Structures are given as structure tokens and as C-alpha cells.
Amino acid sequence: FFLTSLAAELGNKAIGVILSGTASDGSLGMKAIK
């Protein structure tokens, strides 16, 4: 939710980092940032 919002807000100034964790939360957000 946040990373997708960040991508829409900042475009090329958005930077995403995924660290340790289970399951797959964050994957769609990273696609949005890219």
C-alpha cells in the first residue's frame, strides 16, 4: 500500500527497499516503483 502510494507521489525520486520477512508483501509495490 505504501510503496504504491510512494511511486505515484514521487516517480523517479521514489526508492524502495525490501528487507527480511515472510510471504510476499512489498512485491507489487516494488513493481510500481520500478
PDB file of all heavy atoms in Angstrom:
ATOM      1  N   PHE A   1       0.840  -1.200   0.000  1.00  0.00           N
ATOM      2  CA  PHE A   1       0.000   0.000   0.000  1.00  0.00           C
ATOM      3  C   PHE A   1       0.871   1.245   0.000  1.00  0.00           C
ATOM      4  O   PHE A   1       0.669   2.169  -0.803  1.00  0.00           O
ATOM      5  CB  PHE A   1      -0.923  -0.011   1.228  1.00  0.00           C
ATOM      6  CG  PHE A   1      -2.029   1.002   1.177  1.00  0.00           C
ATOM      7  CD1 PHE A   1      -3.286   0.659   0.723  1.00  0.00           C
ATOM      8  CD2 PHE A   1      -1.807   2.311   1.583  1.00  0.00           C
ATOM      9  CE1 PHE A   1      -4.312   1.592   0.674  1.00  0.00           C
ATOM     10  CE2 PHE A   1      -2.818   3.259   1.531  1.00  0.00           C
ATOM     11  CZ  PHE A   1      -4.075   2.893   1.080  1.00  0.00           C
ATOM     12  N   PHE A   2       1.872   1.284   0.882  1.00  0.00           N
ATOM     13  CA  PHE A   2       2.690   2.494   0.966  1.00  0.00           C
ATOM     14  C   PHE A   2       3.591   2.661  -0.245  1.00  0.00           C
ATOM     15  O   PHE A   2       3.715   3.760  -0.792  1.00  0.00           O
ATOM     16  CB  PHE A   2       3.537   2.518   2.239  1.00  0.00           C
ATOM     17  CG  PHE A   2       4.402   3.753   2.292  1.00  0.00           C
ATOM     18  CD1 PHE A   2       3.836   4.985   2.544  1.00  0.00           C
ATOM     19  CD2 PHE A   2       5.768   3.682   2.023  1.00  0.00           C
ATOM     20  CE1 PHE A   2       4.608   6.147   2.532  1.00  0.00           C
ATOM     21  CE2 PHE A   2       6.546   4.830   2.010  1.00  0.00           C
ATOM     22  CZ  PHE A   2       5.963   6.062   2.273  1.00  0.00           C
ATOM     23  N   LEU A   3       4.259   1.591  -0.670  1.00  0.00           N
ATOM     24  CA  LEU A   3       5.192   1.719  -1.795  1.00  0.00           C
ATOM     25  C   LEU A   3       4.473   2.123  -3.076  1.00  0.00           C
ATOM     26  O   LEU A   3       4.996   2.913  -3.870  1.00  0.00           O
ATOM     27  CB  LEU A   3       5.959   0.415  -1.999  1.00  0.00           C
ATOM     28  CG  LEU A   3       6.923   0.008  -0.888  1.00  0.00           C
ATOM     29  CD1 LEU A   3       7.621  -1.300  -1.234  1.00  0.00           C
ATOM     30  CD2 LEU A   3       7.954   1.104  -0.610  1.00  0.00           C
ATOM     31  N   THR A   4       3.260   1.605  -3.296  1.00  0.00           N
ATOM     32  CA  THR A   4       2.485   2.003  -4.469  1.00  0.00           C
ATOM     33  C   THR A   4       2.122   3.481  -4.404  1.00  0.00           C
ATOM     34  O   THR A   4       2.191   4.210  -5.392  1.00  0.00           O
ATOM     35  CB  THR A   4       1.214   1.140  -4.585  1.00  0.00           C
ATOM     36  OG1 THR A   4       1.588  -0.242  -4.653  1.00  0.00           O
ATOM     37  CG2 THR A   4       0.409   1.501  -5.813  1.00  0.00           C
ATOM     38  N   SER A   5       1.750   3.933  -3.205  1.00  0.00           N
ATOM     39  CA  SER A   5       1.446   5.345  -2.991  1.00  0.00           C
ATOM     40  C   SER A   5       2.686   6.207  -3.214  1.00  0.00           C
ATOM     41  O   SER A   5       2.628   7.271  -3.847  1.00  0.00           O
ATOM     42  CB  SER A   5       0.914   5.540  -1.569  1.00  0.00           C
ATOM     43  OG  SER A   5       0.768   6.910  -1.245  1.00  0.00           O
ATOM     44  N   LEU A   6       3.838   5.745  -2.731  1.00  0.00           N
ATOM     45  CA  LEU A   6       5.094   6.478  -2.889  1.00  0.00           C
ATOM     46  C   LEU A   6       5.478   6.599  -4.355  1.00  0.00           C
ATOM     47  O   LEU A   6       5.934   7.654  -4.811  1.00  0.00           O
ATOM     48  CB  LEU A   6       6.202   5.771  -2.108  1.00  0.00           C
ATOM     49  CG  LEU A   6       7.589   6.412  -2.139  1.00  0.00           C
ATOM     50  CD1 LEU A   6       7.565   7.783  -1.475  1.00  0.00           C
ATOM     51  CD2 LEU A   6       8.614   5.509  -1.449  1.00  0.00           C
ATOM     52  N   ALA A   7       5.287   5.522  -5.119  1.00  0.00           N
ATOM     53  CA  ALA A   7       5.597   5.553  -6.556  1.00  0.00           C
ATOM     54  C   ALA A   7       4.750   6.599  -7.269  1.00  0.00           C
ATOM     55  O   ALA A   7       5.252   7.366  -8.107  1.00  0.00           O
ATOM     56  CB  ALA A   7       5.365   4.174  -7.167  1.00  0.00           C
ATOM     57  N   ALA A   8       3.461   6.640  -6.946  1.00  0.00           N
ATOM     58  CA  ALA A   8       2.571   7.617  -7.579  1.00  0.00           C
ATOM     59  C   ALA A   8       2.930   9.042  -7.172  1.00  0.00           C
ATOM     60  O   ALA A   8       2.790   9.979  -7.962  1.00  0.00           O
ATOM     61  CB  ALA A   8       1.118   7.314  -7.205  1.00  0.00           C
ATOM     62  N   GLU A   9       3.410   9.207  -5.957  1.00  0.00           N
ATOM     63  CA  GLU A   9       3.737  10.536  -5.437  1.00  0.00           C
ATOM     64  C   GLU A   9       5.027  11.094  -6.022  1.00  0.00           C
ATOM     65  O   GLU A   9       5.093  12.263  -6.409  1.00  0.00           O
ATOM     66  CB  GLU A   9       3.863  10.452  -3.909  1.00  0.00           C
ATOM     67  CG  GLU A   9       4.343  11.723  -3.219  1.00  0.00           C
ATOM     68  CD  GLU A   9       3.237  12.733  -2.950  1.00  0.00           C
ATOM     69  OE1 GLU A   9       2.132  12.579  -3.494  1.00  0.00           O
ATOM     70  OE2 GLU A   9       3.488  13.686  -2.203  1.00  0.00           O
ATOM     71  N   LEU A  10       6.068  10.283  -6.100  1.00  0.00           N
ATOM     72  CA  LEU A  10       7.401  10.808  -6.391  1.00  0.00           C
ATOM     73  C   LEU A  10       8.011  10.347  -7.706  1.00  0.00           C
ATOM     74  O   LEU A  10       9.041  10.875  -8.126  1.00  0.00           O
ATOM     75  CB  LEU A  10       8.364  10.460  -5.249  1.00  0.00           C
ATOM     76  CG  LEU A  10       8.245  11.272  -3.962  1.00  0.00           C
ATOM     77  CD1 LEU A  10       9.414  10.975  -3.050  1.00  0.00           C
ATOM     78  CD2 LEU A  10       8.175  12.753  -4.235  1.00  0.00           C
ATOM     79  N   GLY A  11       7.463   9.335  -8.351  1.00  0.00           N
ATOM     80  CA  GLY A  11       8.051   8.870  -9.611  1.00  0.00           C
ATOM     81  C   GLY A  11       9.486   8.427  -9.444  1.00  0.00           C
ATOM     82  O   GLY A  11       9.788   7.569  -8.619  1.00  0.00           O
ATOM     83  N   ASN A  12      10.412   9.050 -10.198  1.00  0.00           N
ATOM     84  CA  ASN A  12      11.805   8.601 -10.174  1.00  0.00           C
ATOM     85  C   ASN A  12      12.520   8.937  -8.875  1.00  0.00           C
ATOM     86  O   ASN A  12      13.630   8.440  -8.627  1.00  0.00           O
ATOM     87  CB  ASN A  12      12.580   9.205 -11.353  1.00  0.00           C
ATOM     88  CG  ASN A  12      12.683  10.713 -11.279  1.00  0.00           C
ATOM     89  OD1 ASN A  12      11.682  11.414 -11.352  1.00  0.00           O
ATOM     90  ND2 ASN A  12      13.890  11.219 -11.127  1.00  0.00           N
ATOM     91  N   LYS A  13      11.931   9.747  -8.004  1.00  0.00           N
ATOM     92  CA  LYS A  13      12.536  10.042  -6.703  1.00  0.00           C
ATOM     93  C   LYS A  13      12.119   9.029  -5.634  1.00  0.00           C
ATOM     94  O   LYS A  13      12.538   9.132  -4.479  1.00  0.00           O
ATOM     95  CB  LYS A  13      12.171  11.449  -6.247  1.00  0.00           C
ATOM     96  CG  LYS A  13      12.849  12.553  -7.038  1.00  0.00           C
ATOM     97  CD  LYS A  13      12.469  13.918  -6.473  1.00  0.00           C
ATOM     98  CE  LYS A  13      13.278  15.019  -7.138  1.00  0.00           C
ATOM     99  NZ  LYS A  13      13.014  15.135  -8.572  1.00  0.00           N
ATOM    100  N   ALA A  14      11.284   8.077  -6.007  1.00  0.00           N
ATOM    101  CA  ALA A  14      10.866   7.029  -5.069  1.00  0.00           C
ATOM    102  C   ALA A  14      11.909   5.918  -5.046  1.00  0.00           C
ATOM    103  O   ALA A  14      12.370   5.459  -6.087  1.00  0.00           O
ATOM    104  CB  ALA A  14       9.507   6.466  -5.468  1.00  0.00           C
ATOM    105  N   ILE A  15      12.269   5.485  -3.854  1.00  0.00           N
ATOM    106  CA  ILE A  15      13.224   4.392  -3.678  1.00  0.00           C
ATOM    107  C   ILE A  15      12.587   3.359  -2.757  1.00  0.00           C
ATOM    108  O   ILE A  15      12.043   3.716  -1.706  1.00  0.00           O
ATOM    109  CB  ILE A  15      14.548   4.900  -3.077  1.00  0.00           C
ATOM    110  CG1 ILE A  15      15.188   5.947  -4.008  1.00  0.00           C
ATOM    111  CG2 ILE A  15      15.510   3.747  -2.826  1.00  0.00           C
ATOM    112  CD1 ILE A  15      16.403   6.635  -3.425  1.00  0.00           C
ATOM    113  N   GLY A  16      12.613   2.095  -3.160  1.00  0.00           N
ATOM    114  CA  GLY A  16      12.008   1.026  -2.370  1.00  0.00           C
ATOM    115  C   GLY A  16      13.051   0.037  -1.891  1.00  0.00           C
ATOM    116  O   GLY A  16      13.981  -0.295  -2.622  1.00  0.00           O
ATOM    117  N   VAL A  17      12.876  -0.426  -0.661  1.00  0.00           N
ATOM    118  CA  VAL A  17      13.785  -1.422  -0.071  1.00  0.00           C
ATOM    119  C   VAL A  17      12.940  -2.496   0.601  1.00  0.00           C
ATOM    120  O   VAL A  17      12.063  -2.181   1.412  1.00  0.00           O
ATOM    121  CB  VAL A  17      14.722  -0.785   0.976  1.00  0.00           C
ATOM    122  CG1 VAL A  17      15.650  -1.840   1.574  1.00  0.00           C
ATOM    123  CG2 VAL A  17      15.527   0.358   0.378  1.00  0.00           C
ATOM    124  N   ILE A  18      13.198  -3.757   0.263  1.00  0.00           N
ATOM    125  CA  ILE A  18      12.523  -4.871   0.930  1.00  0.00           C
ATOM    126  C   ILE A  18      13.564  -5.647   1.736  1.00  0.00           C
ATOM    127  O   ILE A  18      14.558  -6.124   1.191  1.00  0.00           O
ATOM    128  CB  ILE A  18      11.845  -5.814  -0.086  1.00  0.00           C
ATOM    129  CG1 ILE A  18      10.725  -5.092  -0.816  1.00  0.00           C
ATOM    130  CG2 ILE A  18      11.296  -7.063   0.619  1.00  0.00           C
ATOM    131  CD1 ILE A  18       9.570  -4.641   0.056  1.00  0.00           C
ATOM    132  N   LEU A  19      13.293  -5.780   3.031  1.00  0.00           N
ATOM    133  CA  LEU A  19      14.192  -6.491   3.939  1.00  0.00           C
ATOM    134  C   LEU A  19      13.550  -7.795   4.406  1.00  0.00           C
ATOM    135  O   LEU A  19      12.543  -8.237   3.856  1.00  0.00           O
ATOM    136  CB  LEU A  19      14.532  -5.591   5.131  1.00  0.00           C
ATOM    137  CG  LEU A  19      15.221  -4.257   4.797  1.00  0.00           C
ATOM    138  CD1 LEU A  19      15.411  -3.420   6.057  1.00  0.00           C
ATOM    139  CD2 LEU A  19      16.556  -4.479   4.101  1.00  0.00           C
ATOM    140  N   SER A  20      14.116  -8.397   5.410  1.00  0.00           N
ATOM    141  CA  SER A  20      13.692  -9.705   5.908  1.00  0.00           C
ATOM    142  C   SER A  20      12.183  -9.763   6.176  1.00  0.00           C
ATOM    143  O   SER A  20      11.587  -8.814   6.678  1.00  0.00           O
ATOM    144  CB  SER A  20      14.463  -9.998   7.199  1.00  0.00           C
ATOM    145  OG  SER A  20      13.988 -11.158   7.823  1.00  0.00           O
ATOM    146  N   GLY A  21      11.586 -10.909   5.855  1.00  0.00           N
ATOM    147  CA  GLY A  21      10.177 -11.104   6.151  1.00  0.00           C
ATOM    148  C   GLY A  21       9.617 -12.331   5.468  1.00  0.00           C
ATOM    149  O   GLY A  21      10.209 -12.862   4.519  1.00  0.00           O
ATOM    150  N   THR A  22       8.476 -12.788   5.956  1.00  0.00           N
ATOM    151  CA  THR A  22       7.794 -13.934   5.361  1.00  0.00           C
ATOM    152  C   THR A  22       6.733 -13.450   4.374  1.00  0.00           C
ATOM    153  O   THR A  22       6.324 -12.293   4.390  1.00  0.00           O
ATOM    154  CB  THR A  22       7.135 -14.792   6.447  1.00  0.00           C
ATOM    155  OG1 THR A  22       6.244 -13.974   7.221  1.00  0.00           O
ATOM    156  CG2 THR A  22       8.178 -15.377   7.388  1.00  0.00           C
ATOM    157  N   ALA A  23       6.289 -14.365   3.497  1.00  0.00           N
ATOM    158  CA  ALA A  23       5.257 -14.112   2.483  1.00  0.00           C
ATOM    159  C   ALA A  23       5.766 -13.132   1.428  1.00  0.00           C
ATOM    160  O   ALA A  23       6.965 -13.101   1.143  1.00  0.00           O
ATOM    161  CB  ALA A  23       3.957 -13.649   3.128  1.00  0.00           C
ATOM    162  N   SER A  24       4.873 -12.313   0.866  1.00  0.00           N
ATOM    163  CA  SER A  24       5.251 -11.568  -0.347  1.00  0.00           C
ATOM    164  C   SER A  24       4.841 -10.101  -0.322  1.00  0.00           C
ATOM    165  O   SER A  24       4.875  -9.443  -1.370  1.00  0.00           O
ATOM    166  CB  SER A  24       4.626 -12.230  -1.580  1.00  0.00           C
ATOM    167  OG  SER A  24       3.210 -12.198  -1.499  1.00  0.00           O
ATOM    168  N   ASP A  25       4.459  -9.566   0.819  1.00  0.00           N
ATOM    169  CA  ASP A  25       4.092  -8.158   0.861  1.00  0.00           C
ATOM    170  C   ASP A  25       5.279  -7.309   0.386  1.00  0.00           C
ATOM    171  O   ASP A  25       6.422  -7.551   0.758  1.00  0.00           O
ATOM    172  CB  ASP A  25       3.702  -7.756   2.291  1.00  0.00           C
ATOM    173  CG  ASP A  25       3.033  -6.392   2.349  1.00  0.00           C
ATOM    174  OD1 ASP A  25       2.681  -5.860   1.277  1.00  0.00           O
ATOM    175  OD2 ASP A  25       2.859  -5.862   3.467  1.00  0.00           O
ATOM    176  N   GLY A  26       4.987  -6.313  -0.437  1.00  0.00           N
ATOM    177  CA  GLY A  26       6.025  -5.443  -0.974  1.00  0.00           C
ATOM    178  C   GLY A  26       6.346  -5.692  -2.434  1.00  0.00           C
ATOM    179  O   GLY A  26       6.843  -4.789  -3.117  1.00  0.00           O
ATOM    180  N   SER A  27       6.045  -6.884  -2.933  1.00  0.00           N
ATOM    181  CA  SER A  27       6.402  -7.199  -4.323  1.00  0.00           C
ATOM    182  C   SER A  27       5.677  -6.301  -5.321  1.00  0.00           C
ATOM    183  O   SER A  27       6.285  -5.778  -6.261  1.00  0.00           O
ATOM    184  CB  SER A  27       6.105  -8.667  -4.625  1.00  0.00           C
ATOM    185  OG  SER A  27       6.934  -9.518  -3.864  1.00  0.00           O
ATOM    186  N   LEU A  28       4.372  -6.107  -5.130  1.00  0.00           N
ATOM    187  CA  LEU A  28       3.628  -5.237  -6.042  1.00  0.00           C
ATOM    188  C   LEU A  28       4.077  -3.785  -5.921  1.00  0.00           C
ATOM    189  O   LEU A  28       4.123  -3.051  -6.908  1.00  0.00           O
ATOM    190  CB  LEU A  28       2.131  -5.338  -5.773  1.00  0.00           C
ATOM    191  CG  LEU A  28       1.422  -6.608  -6.239  1.00  0.00           C
ATOM    192  CD1 LEU A  28      -0.072  -6.498  -5.975  1.00  0.00           C
ATOM    193  CD2 LEU A  28       1.669  -6.865  -7.711  1.00  0.00           C
ATOM    194  N   GLY A  29       4.400  -3.375  -4.718  1.00  0.00           N
ATOM    195  CA  GLY A  29       4.889  -2.014  -4.515  1.00  0.00           C
ATOM    196  C   GLY A  29       6.200  -1.762  -5.218  1.00  0.00           C
ATOM    197  O   GLY A  29       6.431  -0.679  -5.782  1.00  0.00           O
ATOM    198  N   MET A  30       7.087  -2.766  -5.232  1.00  0.00           N
ATOM    199  CA  MET A  30       8.360  -2.611  -5.931  1.00  0.00           C
ATOM    200  C   MET A  30       8.141  -2.530  -7.440  1.00  0.00           C
ATOM    201  O   MET A  30       8.826  -1.792  -8.148  1.00  0.00           O
ATOM    202  CB  MET A  30       9.288  -3.772  -5.581  1.00  0.00           C
ATOM    203  CG  MET A  30       9.661  -3.836  -4.109  1.00  0.00           C
ATOM    204  SD  MET A  30      10.472  -2.342  -3.517  1.00  0.00           S
ATOM    205  CE  MET A  30      12.171  -2.882  -3.510  1.00  0.00           C
ATOM    206  N   LYS A  31       7.174  -3.281  -7.949  1.00  0.00           N
ATOM    207  CA  LYS A  31       6.848  -3.184  -9.373  1.00  0.00           C
ATOM    208  C   LYS A  31       6.358  -1.778  -9.707  1.00  0.00           C
ATOM    209  O   LYS A  31       6.707  -1.225 -10.755  1.00  0.00           O
ATOM    210  CB  LYS A  31       5.779  -4.215  -9.741  1.00  0.00           C
ATOM    211  CG  LYS A  31       6.272  -5.648  -9.748  1.00  0.00           C
ATOM    212  CD  LYS A  31       5.161  -6.640 -10.047  1.00  0.00           C
ATOM    213  CE  LYS A  31       4.679  -6.580 -11.468  1.00  0.00           C
ATOM    214  NZ  LYS A  31       3.694  -7.635 -11.786  1.00  0.00           N
ATOM    215  N   ALA A  32       5.568  -1.191  -8.819  1.00  0.00           N
ATOM    216  CA  ALA A  32       5.054   0.156  -9.058  1.00  0.00           C
ATOM    217  C   ALA A  32       6.191   1.177  -9.072  1.00  0.00           C
ATOM    218  O   ALA A  32       6.222   2.079  -9.924  1.00  0.00           O
ATOM    219  CB  ALA A  32       4.028   0.522  -7.988  1.00  0.00           C
ATOM    220  N   ILE A  33       7.139   1.039  -8.152  1.00  0.00           N
ATOM    221  CA  ILE A  33       8.270   1.971  -8.110  1.00  0.00           C
ATOM    222  C   ILE A  33       9.120   1.833  -9.363  1.00  0.00           C
ATOM    223  O   ILE A  33       9.528   2.823  -9.984  1.00  0.00           O
ATOM    224  CB  ILE A  33       9.107   1.741  -6.841  1.00  0.00           C
ATOM    225  CG1 ILE A  33       8.342   2.251  -5.614  1.00  0.00           C
ATOM    226  CG2 ILE A  33      10.472   2.432  -6.930  1.00  0.00           C
ATOM    227  CD1 ILE A  33       9.040   2.020  -4.293  1.00  0.00           C
ATOM    228  N   LYS A  34       9.398   0.588  -9.754  1.00  0.00           N
ATOM    229  CA  LYS A  34      10.204   0.375 -10.962  1.00  0.00           C
ATOM    230  C   LYS A  34       9.481   0.942 -12.189  1.00  0.00           C
ATOM    231  O   LYS A  34      10.115   1.563 -13.058  1.00  0.00           O
ATOM    232  CB  LYS A  34      10.436  -1.125 -11.135  1.00  0.00           C
ATOM    233  CG  LYS A  34      11.298  -1.531 -12.344  1.00  0.00           C
ATOM    234  CD  LYS A  34      12.760  -1.201 -12.114  1.00  0.00           C
ATOM    235  CE  LYS A  34      13.631  -1.760 -13.242  1.00  0.00           C
ATOM    236  NZ  LYS A  34      13.844  -3.209 -13.114  1.00  0.00           N
TER     237      LYS A  34
END
